[in-house]
Amino acid sequence: MNRNALRWSRLLLGSAILLGLLIAGVTLFLRDRPADAAFTSAVYTLPGVGRFRLWGDQRSVIAQATAPDGRRVWLARAVAGELDGDTAPSGAVVLVVTGSSESHAYLVASLSRNGALMQADAVSLGEGVEVQSMAIHDRQVMIEYKVHVPGDLPCCASRFKGSTFRLNGEKLELAFVPAGE
């Protein structure tokens, strides 16, 4: 085999490997997107805010809505996972309601009912919360976030907090808070 043929065969093999990795990555990315789409098309009701539907599609980075009182509602985080023990999809989202100078975060659990995600319950996470991570494991929502403490600038929460929530029927309840929080 001449040198050019060997070079071309290596180039083709390398391109095929890269193409395979790209296809695998896109497949994994797209596999998780329908849950996002289900969360963005769900109807939510938050205490003191009212009932609304987020808008955006599965390609959107941010889904948003306008609450009945005019405040903006943003989807800060969404995670799919098993919350209630059946095999139907369920999950949780963090919704942030912003007003003129404040923001308030809510954790919302959603369950599959008749093929659509329906809100089970919502709990307040507090003012100025910045979600760092969220996951569902053993039917519990584990969330890490930053909260404001005295002396923090409005932009920058500094205290890390971790909490674990679980559904009791269709009610979210605090399952675990690490010591010292």
C-alpha atoms as a PDB file:
ATOM      1  CA  MET A   1       0.000   0.000   0.000  1.00  0.00           C
ATOM      2  CA  ASN A   2       1.438   3.371  -0.919  1.00  0.00           C
ATOM      3  CA  ARG A   3       1.878   6.200   1.537  1.00  0.00           C
ATOM      4  CA  ASN A   4      -1.050   8.328   0.263  1.00  0.00           C
ATOM      5  CA  ALA A   5      -3.475   5.406   0.452  1.00  0.00           C
ATOM      6  CA  LEU A   6      -2.404   4.705   4.051  1.00  0.00           C
ATOM      7  CA  ARG A   7      -2.811   8.388   4.948  1.00  0.00           C
ATOM      8  CA  TRP A   8      -6.310   8.467   3.396  1.00  0.00           C
ATOM      9  CA  SER A   9      -7.379   5.276   5.150  1.00  0.00           C
ATOM     10  CA  ARG A  10      -6.271   6.716   8.526  1.00  0.00           C
ATOM     11  CA  LEU A  11      -8.080   9.956   7.780  1.00  0.00           C
ATOM     12  CA  LEU A  12     -11.269   8.096   6.848  1.00  0.00           C
ATOM     13  CA  LEU A  13     -11.038   5.877   9.938  1.00  0.00           C
ATOM     14  CA  GLY A  14     -10.528   8.932  12.171  1.00  0.00           C
ATOM     15  CA  SER A  15     -13.459  10.703  10.515  1.00  0.00           C
ATOM     16  CA  ALA A  16     -15.680   7.644  10.982  1.00  0.00           C
ATOM     17  CA  ILE A  17     -14.788   7.480  14.689  1.00  0.00           C
ATOM     18  CA  LEU A  18     -15.505  11.205  15.143  1.00  0.00           C
ATOM     19  CA  LEU A  19     -18.792  10.869  13.274  1.00  0.00           C
ATOM     20  CA  GLY A  20     -19.769   7.925  15.499  1.00  0.00           C
ATOM     21  CA  LEU A  21     -18.977   9.911  18.650  1.00  0.00           C
ATOM     22  CA  LEU A  22     -20.957  12.886  17.323  1.00  0.00           C
ATOM     23  CA  ILE A  23     -23.975  10.697  16.536  1.00  0.00           C
ATOM     24  CA  ALA A  24     -23.791   9.083  20.006  1.00  0.00           C
ATOM     25  CA  GLY A  25     -23.602  12.513  21.658  1.00  0.00           C
ATOM     26  CA  VAL A  26     -26.534  13.888  19.670  1.00  0.00           C
ATOM     27  CA  THR A  27     -28.555  10.758  20.442  1.00  0.00           C
ATOM     28  CA  LEU A  28     -27.933  11.140  24.186  1.00  0.00           C
ATOM     29  CA  PHE A  29     -28.777  14.855  23.966  1.00  0.00           C
ATOM     30  CA  LEU A  30     -32.013  14.255  22.081  1.00  0.00           C
ATOM     31  CA  ARG A  31     -33.005  11.360  24.333  1.00  0.00           C
ATOM     32  CA  ASP A  32     -33.251  13.754  27.298  1.00  0.00           C
ATOM     33  CA  ARG A  33     -34.996  16.578  25.432  1.00  0.00           C
ATOM     34  CA  PRO A  34     -38.599  15.273  25.455  1.00  0.00           C
ATOM     35  CA  ALA A  35     -38.684  15.586  29.259  1.00  0.00           C
ATOM     36  CA  ASP A  36     -37.664  19.242  28.885  1.00  0.00           C
ATOM     37  CA  ALA A  37     -40.414  19.736  26.324  1.00  0.00           C
ATOM     38  CA  ALA A  38     -42.956  18.162  28.683  1.00  0.00           C
ATOM     39  CA  PHE A  39     -41.865  20.472  31.503  1.00  0.00           C
ATOM     40  CA  THR A  40     -42.090  23.572  29.317  1.00  0.00           C
ATOM     41  CA  SER A  41     -45.604  22.773  28.152  1.00  0.00           C
ATOM     42  CA  ALA A  42     -47.010  21.937  31.603  1.00  0.00           C
ATOM     43  CA  VAL A  43     -49.426  24.141  33.525  1.00  0.00           C
ATOM     44  CA  TYR A  44     -48.198  25.300  36.934  1.00  0.00           C
ATOM     45  CA  THR A  45     -49.800  26.958  39.949  1.00  0.00           C
ATOM     46  CA  LEU A  46     -47.585  28.663  42.515  1.00  0.00           C
ATOM     47  CA  PRO A  47     -48.666  30.023  45.903  1.00  0.00           C
ATOM     48  CA  GLY A  48     -49.193  33.772  45.717  1.00  0.00           C
ATOM     49  CA  VAL A  49     -48.467  33.793  41.986  1.00  0.00           C
ATOM     50  CA  GLY A  50     -51.370  31.996  40.317  1.00  0.00           C
ATOM     51  CA  ARG A  51     -51.837  29.592  37.413  1.00  0.00           C
ATOM     52  CA  PHE A  52     -49.821  29.851  34.179  1.00  0.00           C
ATOM     53  CA  ARG A  53     -48.266  27.823  31.356  1.00  0.00           C
ATOM     54  CA  LEU A  54     -44.611  28.168  30.448  1.00  0.00           C
ATOM     55  CA  TRP A  55     -43.811  28.821  26.826  1.00  0.00           C
ATOM     56  CA  GLY A  56     -40.820  27.725  24.815  1.00  0.00           C
ATOM     57  CA  ASP A  57     -40.001  24.604  22.879  1.00  0.00           C
ATOM     58  CA  GLN A  58     -37.576  21.766  23.370  1.00  0.00           C
ATOM     59  CA  ARG A  59     -34.813  23.754  21.669  1.00  0.00           C
ATOM     60  CA  SER A  60     -35.201  26.678  24.071  1.00  0.00           C
ATOM     61  CA  VAL A  61     -32.627  27.272  26.737  1.00  0.00           C
ATOM     62  CA  ILE A  62     -35.134  29.222  28.807  1.00  0.00           C
ATOM     63  CA  ALA A  63     -38.851  28.660  29.100  1.00  0.00           C
ATOM     64  CA  GLN A  64     -40.837  31.495  30.576  1.00  0.00           C
ATOM     65  CA  ALA A  65     -44.310  32.781  31.336  1.00  0.00           C
ATOM     66  CA  THR A  66     -46.030  35.852  32.649  1.00  0.00           C
ATOM     67  CA  ALA A  67     -47.849  35.251  35.921  1.00  0.00           C
ATOM     68  CA  PRO A  68     -51.394  36.596  36.310  1.00  0.00           C
ATOM     69  CA  ASP A  69     -50.017  39.479  38.405  1.00  0.00           C
ATOM     70  CA  GLY A  70     -47.495  40.455  35.682  1.00  0.00           C
ATOM     71  CA  ARG A  71     -44.342  38.985  37.231  1.00  0.00           C
ATOM     72  CA  ARG A  72     -42.100  36.813  35.033  1.00  0.00           C
ATOM     73  CA  VAL A  73     -41.654  33.098  35.702  1.00  0.00           C
ATOM     74  CA  TRP A  74     -38.528  31.285  34.463  1.00  0.00           C
ATOM     75  CA  LEU A  75     -37.674  27.595  34.300  1.00  0.00           C
ATOM     76  CA  ALA A  76     -34.323  27.499  36.103  1.00  0.00           C
ATOM     77  CA  ARG A  77     -33.801  23.721  36.227  1.00  0.00           C
ATOM     78  CA  ALA A  78     -35.656  20.573  35.155  1.00  0.00           C
ATOM     79  CA  VAL A  79     -34.879  16.961  35.916  1.00  0.00           C
ATOM     80  CA  ALA A  80     -36.765  13.808  34.945  1.00  0.00           C
ATOM     81  CA  GLY A  81     -36.875  10.776  37.206  1.00  0.00           C
ATOM     82  CA  GLU A  82     -39.096   8.457  39.202  1.00  0.00           C
ATOM     83  CA  LEU A  83     -40.894  10.170  42.097  1.00  0.00           C
ATOM     84  CA  ASP A  84     -44.007   8.121  42.858  1.00  0.00           C
ATOM     85  CA  GLY A  85     -43.145   4.471  42.280  1.00  0.00           C
ATOM     86  CA  ASP A  86     -45.089   3.885  39.073  1.00  0.00           C
ATOM     87  CA  THR A  87     -43.386   3.465  35.722  1.00  0.00           C
ATOM     88  CA  ALA A  88     -44.815   6.643  34.177  1.00  0.00           C
ATOM     89  CA  PRO A  89     -42.457   9.615  33.734  1.00  0.00           C
ATOM     90  CA  SER A  90     -42.280  12.170  36.496  1.00  0.00           C
ATOM     91  CA  GLY A  91     -39.855  14.873  37.501  1.00  0.00           C
ATOM     92  CA  ALA A  92     -39.170  18.155  39.193  1.00  0.00           C
ATOM     93  CA  VAL A  93     -38.490  21.726  38.154  1.00  0.00           C
ATOM     94  CA  VAL A  94     -37.275  24.870  39.839  1.00  0.00           C
ATOM     95  CA  LEU A  95     -39.302  27.888  38.793  1.00  0.00           C
ATOM     96  CA  VAL A  96     -38.070  31.389  39.582  1.00  0.00           C
ATOM     97  CA  VAL A  97     -40.570  34.248  39.850  1.00  0.00           C
ATOM     98  CA  THR A  98     -39.052  37.660  39.277  1.00  0.00           C
ATOM     99  CA  GLY A  99     -40.558  41.014  40.141  1.00  0.00           C
ATOM    100  CA  SER A 100     -39.135  44.507  39.958  1.00  0.00           C
ATOM    101  CA  SER A 101     -36.242  43.816  42.323  1.00  0.00           C
ATOM    102  CA  GLU A 102     -36.711  40.366  43.828  1.00  0.00           C
ATOM    103  CA  SER A 103     -36.698  36.757  42.750  1.00  0.00           C
ATOM    104  CA  HIS A 104     -38.310  33.808  44.509  1.00  0.00           C
ATOM    105  CA  ALA A 105     -37.626  30.140  43.717  1.00  0.00           C
ATOM    106  CA  TYR A 106     -40.047  27.218  43.974  1.00  0.00           C
ATOM    107  CA  LEU A 107     -39.428  23.494  43.680  1.00  0.00           C
ATOM    108  CA  VAL A 108     -42.294  21.833  41.796  1.00  0.00           C
ATOM    109  CA  ALA A 109     -42.904  18.069  41.562  1.00  0.00           C
ATOM    110  CA  SER A 110     -44.774  16.800  38.498  1.00  0.00           C
ATOM    111  CA  LEU A 111     -46.334  13.381  37.920  1.00  0.00           C
ATOM    112  CA  SER A 112     -47.607  11.728  34.763  1.00  0.00           C
ATOM    113  CA  ARG A 113     -51.390  11.635  34.615  1.00  0.00           C
ATOM    114  CA  ASN A 114     -53.159  10.410  31.462  1.00  0.00           C
ATOM    115  CA  GLY A 115     -49.954  10.825  29.452  1.00  0.00           C
ATOM    116  CA  ALA A 116     -49.224  14.427  30.504  1.00  0.00           C
ATOM    117  CA  LEU A 117     -47.132  15.895  33.290  1.00  0.00           C
ATOM    118  CA  MET A 118     -49.349  17.414  35.976  1.00  0.00           C
ATOM    119  CA  GLN A 119     -48.162  19.381  38.974  1.00  0.00           C
ATOM    120  CA  ALA A 120     -48.328  17.468  42.247  1.00  0.00           C
ATOM    121  CA  ASP A 121     -47.030  20.116  44.658  1.00  0.00           C
ATOM    122  CA  ALA A 122     -44.793  23.176  44.964  1.00  0.00           C
ATOM    123  CA  VAL A 123     -42.634  24.341  47.872  1.00  0.00           C
ATOM    124  CA  SER A 124     -40.794  27.598  48.329  1.00  0.00           C
ATOM    125  CA  LEU A 125     -36.996  27.489  48.292  1.00  0.00           C
ATOM    126  CA  GLY A 126     -36.752  31.185  49.188  1.00  0.00           C
ATOM    127  CA  GLU A 127     -35.681  34.581  47.883  1.00  0.00           C
ATOM    128  CA  GLY A 128     -32.629  35.023  45.671  1.00  0.00           C
ATOM    129  CA  VAL A 129     -31.889  31.295  45.380  1.00  0.00           C
ATOM    130  CA  GLU A 130     -29.298  30.139  42.837  1.00  0.00           C
ATOM    131  CA  VAL A 131     -29.688  26.434  41.987  1.00  0.00           C
ATOM    132  CA  GLN A 132     -26.339  24.671  41.650  1.00  0.00           C
ATOM    133  CA  SER A 133     -27.494  21.095  40.988  1.00  0.00           C
ATOM    134  CA  MET A 134     -30.588  18.933  41.141  1.00  0.00           C
ATOM    135  CA  ALA A 135     -31.129  15.187  40.732  1.00  0.00           C
ATOM    136  CA  ILE A 136     -33.729  12.518  41.419  1.00  0.00           C
ATOM    137  CA  HIS A 137     -32.567   9.355  43.185  1.00  0.00           C
ATOM    138  CA  ASP A 138     -34.583   6.750  45.124  1.00  0.00           C
ATOM    139  CA  ARG A 139     -37.788   8.740  44.469  1.00  0.00           C
ATOM    140  CA  GLN A 140     -36.321  11.827  46.141  1.00  0.00           C
ATOM    141  CA  VAL A 141     -35.351  15.215  44.722  1.00  0.00           C
ATOM    142  CA  MET A 142     -31.908  16.262  45.887  1.00  0.00           C
ATOM    143  CA  ILE A 143     -31.112  19.903  45.342  1.00  0.00           C
ATOM    144  CA  GLU A 144     -28.066  22.053  46.082  1.00  0.00           C
ATOM    145  CA  TYR A 145     -28.423  25.792  45.937  1.00  0.00           C
ATOM    146  CA  LYS A 146     -26.993  29.062  47.193  1.00  0.00           C
ATOM    147  CA  VAL A 147     -28.989  31.384  49.446  1.00  0.00           C
ATOM    148  CA  HIS A 148     -28.416  34.973  50.495  1.00  0.00           C
ATOM    149  CA  VAL A 149     -27.032  35.763  53.927  1.00  0.00           C
ATOM    150  CA  PRO A 150     -26.708  39.217  55.489  1.00  0.00           C
ATOM    151  CA  GLY A 151     -23.988  41.185  53.738  1.00  0.00           C
ATOM    152  CA  ASP A 152     -24.420  39.493  50.322  1.00  0.00           C
ATOM    153  CA  LEU A 153     -24.851  41.709  47.304  1.00  0.00           C
ATOM    154  CA  PRO A 154     -28.243  41.269  45.565  1.00  0.00           C
ATOM    155  CA  CYS A 155     -26.496  39.566  42.643  1.00  0.00           C
ATOM    156  CA  CYS A 156     -24.516  37.063  44.577  1.00  0.00           C
ATOM    157  CA  ALA A 157     -25.795  34.483  47.065  1.00  0.00           C
ATOM    158  CA  SER A 158     -22.911  32.989  49.031  1.00  0.00           C
ATOM    159  CA  ARG A 159     -24.169  30.242  51.366  1.00  0.00           C
ATOM    160  CA  PHE A 160     -24.501  26.705  49.997  1.00  0.00           C
ATOM    161  CA  LYS A 161     -27.515  24.708  51.108  1.00  0.00           C
ATOM    162  CA  GLY A 162     -28.557  21.166  50.322  1.00  0.00           C
ATOM    163  CA  SER A 163     -32.000  19.678  50.802  1.00  0.00           C
ATOM    164  CA  THR A 164     -33.761  16.460  49.890  1.00  0.00           C
ATOM    165  CA  PHE A 165     -37.506  16.356  49.224  1.00  0.00           C
ATOM    166  CA  ARG A 166     -39.851  13.417  48.684  1.00  0.00           C
ATOM    167  CA  LEU A 167     -43.478  13.033  47.732  1.00  0.00           C
ATOM    168  CA  ASN A 168     -45.864  11.814  50.383  1.00  0.00           C
ATOM    169  CA  GLY A 169     -48.934  11.090  48.283  1.00  0.00           C
ATOM    170  CA  GLU A 170     -48.925  14.211  46.120  1.00  0.00           C
ATOM    171  CA  LYS A 171     -47.403  16.474  48.777  1.00  0.00           C
ATOM    172  CA  LEU A 172     -43.709  17.469  48.724  1.00  0.00           C
ATOM    173  CA  GLU A 173     -42.066  17.229  52.104  1.00  0.00           C
ATOM    174  CA  LEU A 174     -38.559  17.838  53.337  1.00  0.00           C
ATOM    175  CA  ALA A 175     -36.854  14.452  53.726  1.00  0.00           C
ATOM    176  CA  PHE A 176     -33.363  15.523  54.747  1.00  0.00           C
ATOM    177  CA  VAL A 177     -31.349  18.660  55.480  1.00  0.00           C
ATOM    178  CA  PRO A 178     -27.631  18.254  56.215  1.00  0.00           C
ATOM    179  CA  ALA A 179     -26.536  19.125  59.760  1.00  0.00           C
ATOM    180  CA  GLY A 180     -25.786  22.802  60.330  1.00  0.00           C
ATOM    181  CA  GLU A 181     -28.291  24.124  57.791  1.00  0.00           C
END
